[in-house]
Amino acid sequence: MSVTVDLSVVAWFIIFCIAVIIGVFLIILLRNCLKVVDKVNKILDNNSESIGETLDALPSTVKSIDELAISAKGTLDKATSVVTAVEDTVTETIDSFSFNAENILSIINIASTVVKSIIGAFSSKK
């Protein structure tokens, strides 16, 4: 008794087995997808009122957010101008103080020279 095996028959058998395995996996995947879709549908059905209310409130919420952003931009612009004014005022005050400090140092220097002169005048009389 002799059995001959044709390689093309073996190849077709292997391809058929792979196709059956892939088909089984696809059927399992499809069943799982259908279960997920059913769960999502149940969730949507149970929460349809809340979803509807949320969708109704969404345009007014977006409008409020836009108004808030515009208001925040205006406030930020005002704050920027105030900070700039304060910065300018502080810079002017520091410059003025520097000028006044130089004047005070000059006055102290002159006063010390005068005091030294007076002390020198009294000490030379001795």
Protein backbone atom coordinates (compact mmCIF):
# COMPACT_ATOMS: atom_id res chain seq x y z
CA MET A 1 0.00 0.00 0.00
CA SER A 2 1.49 3.28 -1.10
CA VAL A 3 0.25 6.74 -0.24
CA THR A 4 1.27 9.69 -2.34
CA VAL A 5 0.98 13.14 -0.90
CA ASP A 6 0.64 15.98 -3.28
CA LEU A 7 2.18 19.21 -1.94
CA SER A 8 -0.54 21.35 -3.48
CA VAL A 9 -3.19 19.41 -1.52
CA VAL A 10 -1.21 19.91 1.71
CA ALA A 11 -0.84 23.63 0.96
CA TRP A 12 -4.57 23.99 0.28
CA PHE A 13 -5.34 22.10 3.50
CA ILE A 14 -3.09 24.45 5.50
CA ILE A 15 -4.63 27.51 3.84
CA PHE A 16 -8.11 26.17 4.59
CA CYS A 17 -7.20 25.60 8.28
CA ILE A 18 -5.76 29.10 8.58
CA ALA A 19 -8.88 30.55 6.94
CA VAL A 20 -11.13 28.64 9.37
CA ILE A 21 -9.07 29.85 12.37
CA ILE A 22 -9.16 33.45 11.12
CA GLY A 23 -12.91 33.14 10.52
CA VAL A 24 -13.45 31.89 14.09
CA PHE A 25 -11.39 34.80 15.47
CA LEU A 26 -13.37 37.27 13.33
CA ILE A 27 -16.66 35.82 14.59
CA ILE A 28 -15.46 36.13 18.21
CA LEU A 29 -14.30 39.70 17.53
CA LEU A 30 -17.65 40.57 15.94
CA ARG A 31 -19.57 39.14 18.92
CA ASN A 32 -17.46 41.18 21.35
CA CYS A 33 -17.97 44.32 19.27
CA LEU A 34 -21.72 43.72 19.26
CA LYS A 35 -21.67 43.30 23.06
CA VAL A 36 -19.84 46.60 23.44
CA VAL A 37 -22.27 48.35 21.08
CA ASP A 38 -25.21 46.91 23.07
CA LYS A 39 -23.71 48.23 26.33
CA VAL A 40 -23.15 51.65 24.80
CA ASN A 41 -26.73 51.70 23.50
CA LYS A 42 -28.03 50.80 26.98
CA ILE A 43 -25.96 53.58 28.55
CA LEU A 44 -27.21 56.06 25.96
CA ASP A 45 -30.82 54.96 26.46
CA ASN A 46 -30.55 55.19 30.27
CA ASN A 47 -28.97 58.65 30.14
CA SER A 48 -30.78 60.13 27.15
CA GLU A 49 -32.42 62.86 29.27
CA SER A 50 -29.12 63.95 30.81
CA ILE A 51 -27.43 63.90 27.42
CA GLY A 52 -30.25 65.99 25.94
CA GLU A 53 -30.04 68.54 28.77
CA THR A 54 -26.28 68.74 28.37
CA LEU A 55 -26.58 69.27 24.63
CA ASP A 56 -29.22 71.96 25.22
CA ALA A 57 -27.01 73.76 27.74
CA LEU A 58 -23.87 73.48 25.62
CA PRO A 59 -24.42 76.55 23.35
CA SER A 60 -25.06 78.88 26.29
CA THR A 61 -22.03 77.44 28.10
CA VAL A 62 -19.82 78.05 25.08
CA LYS A 63 -21.20 81.59 24.81
CA SER A 64 -20.47 82.21 28.51
CA ILE A 65 -16.93 80.91 28.07
CA ASP A 66 -16.43 83.24 25.10
CA GLU A 67 -17.71 86.21 27.14
CA LEU A 68 -15.47 85.22 30.03
CA ALA A 69 -12.46 85.04 27.71
CA ILE A 70 -13.24 88.50 26.31
CA SER A 71 -13.68 89.89 29.84
CA ALA A 72 -10.45 88.27 30.97
CA LYS A 73 -8.65 89.76 27.98
CA GLY A 74 -9.97 93.24 28.85
CA THR A 75 -8.97 92.81 32.49
CA LEU A 76 -5.55 91.58 31.44
CA ASP A 77 -5.12 94.60 29.17
CA LYS A 78 -6.05 96.93 32.04
CA ALA A 79 -3.70 95.11 34.41
CA THR A 80 -0.92 95.38 31.85
CA SER A 81 -1.44 99.13 31.54
CA VAL A 82 -1.52 99.50 35.35
CA VAL A 83 1.68 97.48 35.69
CA THR A 84 3.32 99.61 33.01
CA ALA A 85 2.25 102.81 34.79
CA VAL A 86 3.50 101.49 38.13
CA GLU A 87 6.77 100.46 36.53
CA ASP A 88 7.21 103.92 35.03
CA THR A 89 6.38 105.56 38.37
CA VAL A 90 8.80 103.33 40.26
CA THR A 91 11.52 104.02 37.70
CA GLU A 92 10.95 107.78 38.03
CA THR A 93 10.98 107.52 41.83
CA ILE A 94 14.23 105.57 41.81
CA ASP A 95 15.79 108.10 39.43
CA SER A 96 14.57 110.96 41.63
CA PHE A 97 15.87 109.22 44.74
CA SER A 98 19.24 108.68 43.09
CA PHE A 99 19.37 112.38 42.21
CA ASN A 100 18.30 113.34 45.76
CA ALA A 101 20.79 110.91 47.29
CA GLU A 102 23.56 112.50 45.24
CA ASN A 103 22.41 115.95 46.44
CA ILE A 104 22.32 114.77 50.04
CA LEU A 105 25.80 113.30 49.69
CA SER A 106 27.01 116.60 48.23
CA ILE A 107 25.41 118.53 51.11
CA ILE A 108 26.99 116.17 53.64
CA ASN A 109 30.35 116.59 51.92
CA ILE A 110 30.03 120.39 51.98
CA ALA A 111 28.88 120.30 55.62
CA SER A 112 31.83 118.12 56.59
CA THR A 113 34.18 120.49 54.77
CA VAL A 114 32.65 123.44 56.63
CA VAL A 115 32.89 121.59 59.95
CA LYS A 116 36.53 120.70 59.21
CA SER A 117 37.23 124.34 58.36
CA ILE A 118 35.61 125.53 61.59
CA ILE A 119 37.50 122.93 63.61
CA GLY A 120 40.68 123.90 61.79
CA ALA A 121 40.04 127.58 62.54
CA PHE A 122 39.52 126.92 66.25
CA SER A 123 42.45 124.58 66.51
CA SER A 124 44.86 127.06 64.84
CA LYS A 125 43.92 129.73 67.43
CA LYS A 126 45.21 127.57 70.25
